[in-house]
Structure formats: C-alpha cells, structure tokens
C-alpha cells in the first residue's frame, strides 16, 4: 500500500475518499482509483480533470 500512496500525487491522496479506498482495498490498483475518481467527478458535474 505504501508504494501505491507514493504513485498518487499528495493532493489526490489527501482526499478522504482515496484514503478510504486504499485502506478498504489494499490491492486496489492506482488506475482503478483514478477511474473511480473520474466517475465520481462526472456524477458531481465536475468537468475539470483533477488527475
């Protein structure tokens, strides 16, 4: 999990959602988390790419 945290920019990792997903899904790949964040952003009506 520590290597995953290093692969995710600190700004993104600081988001509670990301921390929770990493703790729940220890082997969840970084790309999967990025996809989930993109989906969440779309649902919230955000158009800016945070990644």
PDB file of N, CA and C in Angstrom:
ATOM      1  N   UNK A   1       0.822  -1.190   0.000  1.00  0.00           N
ATOM      2  CA  UNK A   1       0.000   0.000   0.000  1.00  0.00           C
ATOM      3  C   UNK A   1       0.862   1.248   0.000  1.00  0.00           C
ATOM      4  N   UNK A   2       2.020   1.187   0.598  1.00  0.00           N
ATOM      5  CA  UNK A   2       2.881   2.366   0.629  1.00  0.00           C
ATOM      6  C   UNK A   2       3.334   2.754  -0.770  1.00  0.00           C
ATOM      7  N   UNK A   3       3.606   1.783  -1.618  1.00  0.00           N
ATOM      8  CA  UNK A   3       4.022   2.128  -2.977  1.00  0.00           C
ATOM      9  C   UNK A   3       2.881   2.791  -3.725  1.00  0.00           C
ATOM     10  N   UNK A   4       1.656   2.345  -3.486  1.00  0.00           N
ATOM     11  CA  UNK A   4       0.509   2.969  -4.140  1.00  0.00           C
ATOM     12  C   UNK A   4       0.376   4.415  -3.714  1.00  0.00           C
ATOM     13  N   UNK A   5       0.543   4.676  -2.437  1.00  0.00           N
ATOM     14  CA  UNK A   5       0.406   6.046  -1.936  1.00  0.00           C
ATOM     15  C   UNK A   5       1.434   6.955  -2.588  1.00  0.00           C
ATOM     16  N   UNK A   6       2.626   6.428  -2.844  1.00  0.00           N
ATOM     17  CA  UNK A   6       3.660   7.251  -3.483  1.00  0.00           C
ATOM     18  C   UNK A   6       3.345   7.516  -4.946  1.00  0.00           C
ATOM     19  N   UNK A   7       2.611   6.619  -5.589  1.00  0.00           N
ATOM     20  CA  UNK A   7       2.277   6.797  -7.003  1.00  0.00           C
ATOM     21  C   UNK A   7       1.158   7.813  -7.191  1.00  0.00           C
ATOM     22  N   UNK A   8       0.392   8.060  -6.150  1.00  0.00           N
ATOM     23  CA  UNK A   8      -0.712   9.010  -6.228  1.00  0.00           C
ATOM     24  C   UNK A   8      -0.208  10.362  -5.741  1.00  0.00           C
ATOM     25  N   UNK A   9      -0.416  11.425  -6.508  1.00  0.00           N
ATOM     26  CA  UNK A   9       0.021  12.749  -6.062  1.00  0.00           C
ATOM     27  C   UNK A   9      -0.559  13.076  -4.686  1.00  0.00           C
ATOM     28  N   UNK A  10       0.213  13.765  -3.853  1.00  0.00           N
ATOM     29  CA  UNK A  10      -0.200  14.071  -2.480  1.00  0.00           C
ATOM     30  C   UNK A  10      -1.551  14.773  -2.431  1.00  0.00           C
ATOM     31  N   UNK A  11      -1.793  15.672  -3.396  1.00  0.00           N
ATOM     32  CA  UNK A  11      -3.061  16.412  -3.420  1.00  0.00           C
ATOM     33  C   UNK A  11      -4.240  15.456  -3.584  1.00  0.00           C
ATOM     34  N   UNK A  12      -4.072  14.453  -4.429  1.00  0.00           N
ATOM     35  CA  UNK A  12      -5.134  13.471  -4.653  1.00  0.00           C
ATOM     36  C   UNK A  12      -5.227  12.532  -3.455  1.00  0.00           C
ATOM     37  N   UNK A  13      -4.076  12.085  -2.942  1.00  0.00           N
ATOM     38  CA  UNK A  13      -4.060  11.145  -1.821  1.00  0.00           C
ATOM     39  C   UNK A  13      -4.689  11.752  -0.578  1.00  0.00           C
ATOM     40  N   UNK A  14      -4.627  13.075  -0.440  1.00  0.00           N
ATOM     41  CA  UNK A  14      -5.173  13.723   0.753  1.00  0.00           C
ATOM     42  C   UNK A  14      -6.699  13.686   0.786  1.00  0.00           C
ATOM     43  N   UNK A  15      -7.316  13.375  -0.342  1.00  0.00           N
ATOM     44  CA  UNK A  15      -8.780  13.288  -0.386  1.00  0.00           C
ATOM     45  C   UNK A  15      -9.223  12.073   0.425  1.00  0.00           C
ATOM     46  N   UNK A  16     -10.142  12.301   1.345  1.00  0.00           N
ATOM     47  CA  UNK A  16     -10.595  11.233   2.242  1.00  0.00           C
ATOM     48  C   UNK A  16     -11.070  10.015   1.469  1.00  0.00           C
ATOM     49  N   UNK A  17     -11.783  10.242   0.365  1.00  0.00           N
ATOM     50  CA  UNK A  17     -12.288   9.142  -0.451  1.00  0.00           C
ATOM     51  C   UNK A  17     -11.154   8.211  -0.881  1.00  0.00           C
ATOM     52  N   UNK A  18     -10.034   8.792  -1.302  1.00  0.00           N
ATOM     53  CA  UNK A  18      -8.905   7.990  -1.778  1.00  0.00           C
ATOM     54  C   UNK A  18      -8.306   7.203  -0.622  1.00  0.00           C
ATOM     55  N   UNK A  19      -8.107   7.841   0.508  1.00  0.00           N
ATOM     56  CA  UNK A  19      -7.550   7.147   1.677  1.00  0.00           C
ATOM     57  C   UNK A  19      -8.428   5.971   2.082  1.00  0.00           C
ATOM     58  N   UNK A  20      -9.740   6.197   2.088  1.00  0.00           N
ATOM     59  CA  UNK A  20     -10.665   5.129   2.466  1.00  0.00           C
ATOM     60  C   UNK A  20     -10.592   3.972   1.483  1.00  0.00           C
ATOM     61  N   UNK A  21     -10.545   4.272   0.204  1.00  0.00           N
ATOM     62  CA  UNK A  21     -10.477   3.212  -0.806  1.00  0.00           C
ATOM     63  C   UNK A  21      -9.177   2.426  -0.673  1.00  0.00           C
ATOM     64  N   UNK A  22      -8.074   3.104  -0.384  1.00  0.00           N
ATOM     65  CA  UNK A  22      -6.806   2.401  -0.234  1.00  0.00           C
ATOM     66  C   UNK A  22      -6.824   1.508   0.996  1.00  0.00           C
ATOM     67  N   UNK A  23      -7.459   1.952   2.075  1.00  0.00           N
ATOM     68  CA  UNK A  23      -7.481   1.139   3.284  1.00  0.00           C
ATOM     69  C   UNK A  23      -8.444  -0.038   3.142  1.00  0.00           C
ATOM     70  N   UNK A  24      -9.547   0.170   2.420  1.00  0.00           N
ATOM     71  CA  UNK A  24     -10.522  -0.906   2.232  1.00  0.00           C
ATOM     72  C   UNK A  24     -10.012  -1.910   1.206  1.00  0.00           C
ATOM     73  N   UNK A  25      -9.473  -1.406   0.128  1.00  0.00           N
ATOM     74  CA  UNK A  25      -8.999  -2.255  -0.967  1.00  0.00           C
ATOM     75  C   UNK A  25      -7.481  -2.177  -1.027  1.00  0.00           C
ATOM     76  N   UNK A  26      -6.815  -2.910  -0.165  1.00  0.00           N
ATOM     77  CA  UNK A  26      -5.363  -2.860  -0.087  1.00  0.00           C
ATOM     78  C   UNK A  26      -4.665  -3.117  -1.412  1.00  0.00           C
ATOM     79  N   UNK A  27      -5.220  -3.999  -2.247  1.00  0.00           N
ATOM     80  CA  UNK A  27      -4.562  -4.304  -3.516  1.00  0.00           C
ATOM     81  C   UNK A  27      -5.185  -3.557  -4.676  1.00  0.00           C
ATOM     82  N   UNK A  28      -6.032  -2.614  -4.391  1.00  0.00           N
ATOM     83  CA  UNK A  28      -6.666  -1.865  -5.469  1.00  0.00           C
ATOM     84  C   UNK A  28      -5.598  -1.088  -6.237  1.00  0.00           C
ATOM     85  N   UNK A  29      -5.627  -1.200  -7.530  1.00  0.00           N
ATOM     86  CA  UNK A  29      -4.610  -0.533  -8.334  1.00  0.00           C
ATOM     87  C   UNK A  29      -4.883   0.957  -8.436  1.00  0.00           C
ATOM     88  N   UNK A  30      -3.817   1.708  -8.570  1.00  0.00           N
ATOM     89  CA  UNK A  30      -3.912   3.161  -8.659  1.00  0.00           C
ATOM     90  C   UNK A  30      -4.824   3.577  -9.808  1.00  0.00           C
ATOM     91  N   UNK A  31      -4.716   2.896 -10.938  1.00  0.00           N
ATOM     92  CA  UNK A  31      -5.556   3.257 -12.085  1.00  0.00           C
ATOM     93  C   UNK A  31      -7.037   3.048 -11.793  1.00  0.00           C
ATOM     94  N   UNK A  32      -7.345   2.013 -11.003  1.00  0.00           N
ATOM     95  CA  UNK A  32      -8.741   1.783 -10.629  1.00  0.00           C
ATOM     96  C   UNK A  32      -9.256   2.937  -9.788  1.00  0.00           C
ATOM     97  N   UNK A  33      -8.431   3.421  -8.875  1.00  0.00           N
ATOM     98  CA  UNK A  33      -8.825   4.547  -8.022  1.00  0.00           C
ATOM     99  C   UNK A  33      -9.020   5.794  -8.872  1.00  0.00           C
ATOM    100  N   UNK A  34      -8.122   6.017  -9.828  1.00  0.00           N
ATOM    101  CA  UNK A  34      -8.255   7.184 -10.703  1.00  0.00           C
ATOM    102  C   UNK A  34      -9.552   7.113 -11.496  1.00  0.00           C
ATOM    103  N   UNK A  35      -9.891   5.916 -11.981  1.00  0.00           N
ATOM    104  CA  UNK A  35     -11.146   5.757 -12.728  1.00  0.00           C
ATOM    105  C   UNK A  35     -12.346   6.062 -11.834  1.00  0.00           C
ATOM    106  N   UNK A  36     -12.293   5.584 -10.595  1.00  0.00           N
ATOM    107  CA  UNK A  36     -13.395   5.858  -9.666  1.00  0.00           C
ATOM    108  C   UNK A  36     -13.522   7.350  -9.407  1.00  0.00           C
ATOM    109  N   UNK A  37     -12.392   8.033  -9.257  1.00  0.00           N
ATOM    110  CA  UNK A  37     -12.423   9.480  -9.033  1.00  0.00           C
ATOM    111  C   UNK A  37     -13.011  10.207 -10.237  1.00  0.00           C
ATOM    112  N   UNK A  38     -12.640   9.758 -11.437  1.00  0.00           N
ATOM    113  CA  UNK A  38     -13.187  10.380 -12.641  1.00  0.00           C
ATOM    114  C   UNK A  38     -14.700  10.178 -12.710  1.00  0.00           C
ATOM    115  N   UNK A  39     -15.148   8.971 -12.393  1.00  0.00           N
ATOM    116  CA  UNK A  39     -16.579   8.680 -12.399  1.00  0.00           C
ATOM    117  C   UNK A  39     -17.298   9.533 -11.368  1.00  0.00           C
ATOM    118  N   UNK A  40     -16.711   9.636 -10.180  1.00  0.00           N
ATOM    119  CA  UNK A  40     -17.310  10.452  -9.123  1.00  0.00           C
ATOM    120  C   UNK A  40     -17.394  11.909  -9.551  1.00  0.00           C
ATOM    121  N   UNK A  41     -16.344  12.407 -10.175  1.00  0.00           N
ATOM    122  CA  UNK A  41     -16.339  13.795 -10.645  1.00  0.00           C
ATOM    123  C   UNK A  41     -17.440  14.027 -11.670  1.00  0.00           C
ATOM    124  N   UNK A  42     -17.612  13.069 -12.579  1.00  0.00           N
ATOM    125  CA  UNK A  42     -18.661  13.196 -13.595  1.00  0.00           C
ATOM    126  C   UNK A  42     -20.041  13.236 -12.948  1.00  0.00           C
ATOM    127  N   UNK A  43     -20.234  12.390 -11.954  1.00  0.00           N
ATOM    128  CA  UNK A  43     -21.536  12.353 -11.273  1.00  0.00           C
ATOM    129  C   UNK A  43     -21.821  13.665 -10.560  1.00  0.00           C
ATOM    130  N   UNK A  44     -20.788  14.306 -10.081  1.00  0.00           N
ATOM    131  CA  UNK A  44     -20.961  15.573  -9.370  1.00  0.00           C
ATOM    132  C   UNK A  44     -21.040  16.753 -10.331  1.00  0.00           C
ATOM    133  N   UNK A  45     -20.901  16.464 -11.623  1.00  0.00           N
ATOM    134  CA  UNK A  45     -20.997  17.521 -12.620  1.00  0.00           C
ATOM    135  C   UNK A  45     -19.708  18.300 -12.803  1.00  0.00           C
ATOM    136  N   UNK A  46     -18.616  17.741 -12.340  1.00  0.00           N
ATOM    137  CA  UNK A  46     -17.327  18.420 -12.490  1.00  0.00           C
ATOM    138  C   UNK A  46     -16.791  18.130 -13.884  1.00  0.00           C
ATOM    139  N   UNK A  47     -16.213  19.127 -14.504  1.00  0.00           N
ATOM    140  CA  UNK A  47     -15.630  18.916 -15.826  1.00  0.00           C
ATOM    141  C   UNK A  47     -14.114  19.003 -15.786  1.00  0.00           C
ATOM    142  N   UNK A  48     -13.560  19.542 -14.720  1.00  0.00           N
ATOM    143  CA  UNK A  48     -12.106  19.682 -14.621  1.00  0.00           C
ATOM    144  C   UNK A  48     -11.476  18.321 -14.345  1.00  0.00           C
ATOM    145  N   UNK A  49     -10.369  18.049 -14.972  1.00  0.00           N
ATOM    146  CA  UNK A  49      -9.648  16.803 -14.758  1.00  0.00           C
ATOM    147  C   UNK A  49      -8.698  17.000 -13.588  1.00  0.00           C
ATOM    148  N   UNK A  50      -8.986  16.367 -12.483  1.00  0.00           N
ATOM    149  CA  UNK A  50      -8.172  16.538 -11.280  1.00  0.00           C
ATOM    150  C   UNK A  50      -6.940  15.655 -11.290  1.00  0.00           C
ATOM    151  N   UNK A  51      -6.891  14.715 -12.216  1.00  0.00           N
ATOM    152  CA  UNK A  51      -5.769  13.797 -12.243  1.00  0.00           C
ATOM    153  C   UNK A  51      -4.793  14.237 -13.292  1.00  0.00           C
TER     154      UNK A  51
END
